[in-house]
Amino acid sequence: MMQMKTMTDVPTDGTFLTPAEVEEISQAVEKEFPYDPALQAIYVARGIMRKEAEQVGVDYPVYIRELAKKIKTQWY
């Protein structure tokens, strides 16, 4: 059983997902948008954040808000 992650586990400059999880997200996005690398980049990033939110145990909007707070505290 996977140990539940928390927002403190979330890095502000990368991901805690495994390379296999990131590759799975990337492949799904590439199939959906095969001719648009810019759109792929956006959807891969969103997919990673959604997966992280799921593993942290919060919904996506809460995750984004908490991540933004975490990033902001690093800069100020």
Protein backbone atom coordinates (compact mmCIF):
# COMPACT_ATOMS: atom_id res chain seq x y z
CA MET A 1 0.00 0.00 0.00
CA MET A 2 1.29 3.46 -0.95
CA GLN A 3 1.90 5.90 1.88
CA MET A 4 -0.29 9.01 1.65
CA LYS A 5 1.62 12.10 0.55
CA THR A 6 1.07 15.58 1.97
CA MET A 7 1.60 19.06 0.57
CA THR A 8 5.03 19.14 2.24
CA ASP A 9 6.02 16.25 -0.07
CA VAL A 10 5.15 18.32 -3.15
CA PRO A 11 8.25 19.95 -4.65
CA THR A 12 7.94 23.40 -6.19
CA ASP A 13 10.41 22.60 -8.95
CA GLY A 14 9.44 19.12 -10.09
CA THR A 15 7.21 16.21 -9.19
CA PHE A 16 7.18 13.32 -6.77
CA LEU A 17 5.53 11.09 -9.37
CA THR A 18 7.55 8.20 -10.71
CA PRO A 19 8.95 8.41 -14.24
CA ALA A 20 6.50 5.64 -15.21
CA GLU A 21 3.53 7.70 -13.98
CA VAL A 22 4.73 10.77 -15.87
CA GLU A 23 5.26 8.67 -19.02
CA GLU A 24 1.73 7.26 -18.75
CA ILE A 25 0.31 10.78 -18.58
CA SER A 26 2.53 11.94 -21.47
CA GLN A 27 1.50 9.07 -23.73
CA ALA A 28 -2.20 9.64 -23.09
CA VAL A 29 -1.83 13.35 -23.88
CA GLU A 30 0.20 12.67 -27.04
CA LYS A 31 -2.58 10.41 -28.32
CA GLU A 32 -5.18 13.09 -27.64
CA PHE A 33 -3.20 15.96 -29.20
CA PRO A 34 -0.76 14.31 -31.63
CA TYR A 35 0.12 17.42 -33.66
CA ASP A 36 0.30 20.13 -31.01
CA PRO A 37 3.39 19.97 -28.77
CA ALA A 38 2.53 23.22 -26.98
CA LEU A 39 -0.90 21.94 -25.99
CA GLN A 40 0.67 18.63 -25.00
CA ALA A 41 3.00 20.43 -22.58
CA ILE A 42 0.08 22.18 -20.90
CA TYR A 43 -2.01 19.04 -20.60
CA VAL A 44 0.92 16.96 -19.32
CA ALA A 45 1.57 19.57 -16.61
CA ARG A 46 -2.10 19.58 -15.65
CA GLY A 47 -2.16 15.78 -15.65
CA ILE A 48 0.83 15.64 -13.34
CA MET A 49 -0.75 18.14 -10.95
CA ARG A 50 -4.06 16.25 -10.97
CA LYS A 51 -2.27 12.99 -10.17
CA GLU A 52 -0.30 14.66 -7.38
CA ALA A 53 -3.52 16.15 -5.96
CA GLU A 54 -5.09 12.70 -5.99
CA GLN A 55 -2.09 11.23 -4.14
CA VAL A 56 -2.10 14.09 -1.62
CA GLY A 57 -5.82 13.51 -1.05
CA VAL A 58 -7.20 16.91 -2.04
CA ASP A 59 -9.20 18.06 -5.02
CA TYR A 60 -7.44 19.84 -7.89
CA PRO A 61 -8.48 23.45 -7.09
CA VAL A 62 -7.35 23.07 -3.46
CA TYR A 63 -4.06 21.56 -4.63
CA ILE A 64 -3.41 24.47 -7.03
CA ARG A 65 -4.21 27.01 -4.31
CA GLU A 66 -1.93 25.31 -1.76
CA LEU A 67 0.88 24.91 -4.30
CA ALA A 68 0.64 28.61 -5.19
CA LYS A 69 0.92 29.51 -1.48
CA LYS A 70 3.92 27.23 -1.11
CA ILE A 71 5.67 28.79 -4.10
CA LYS A 72 4.87 32.30 -2.93
CA THR A 73 6.40 31.70 0.50
CA GLN A 74 9.65 30.64 -1.16
CA TRP A 75 9.96 33.96 -2.97
CA TYR A 76 8.95 36.32 -0.15
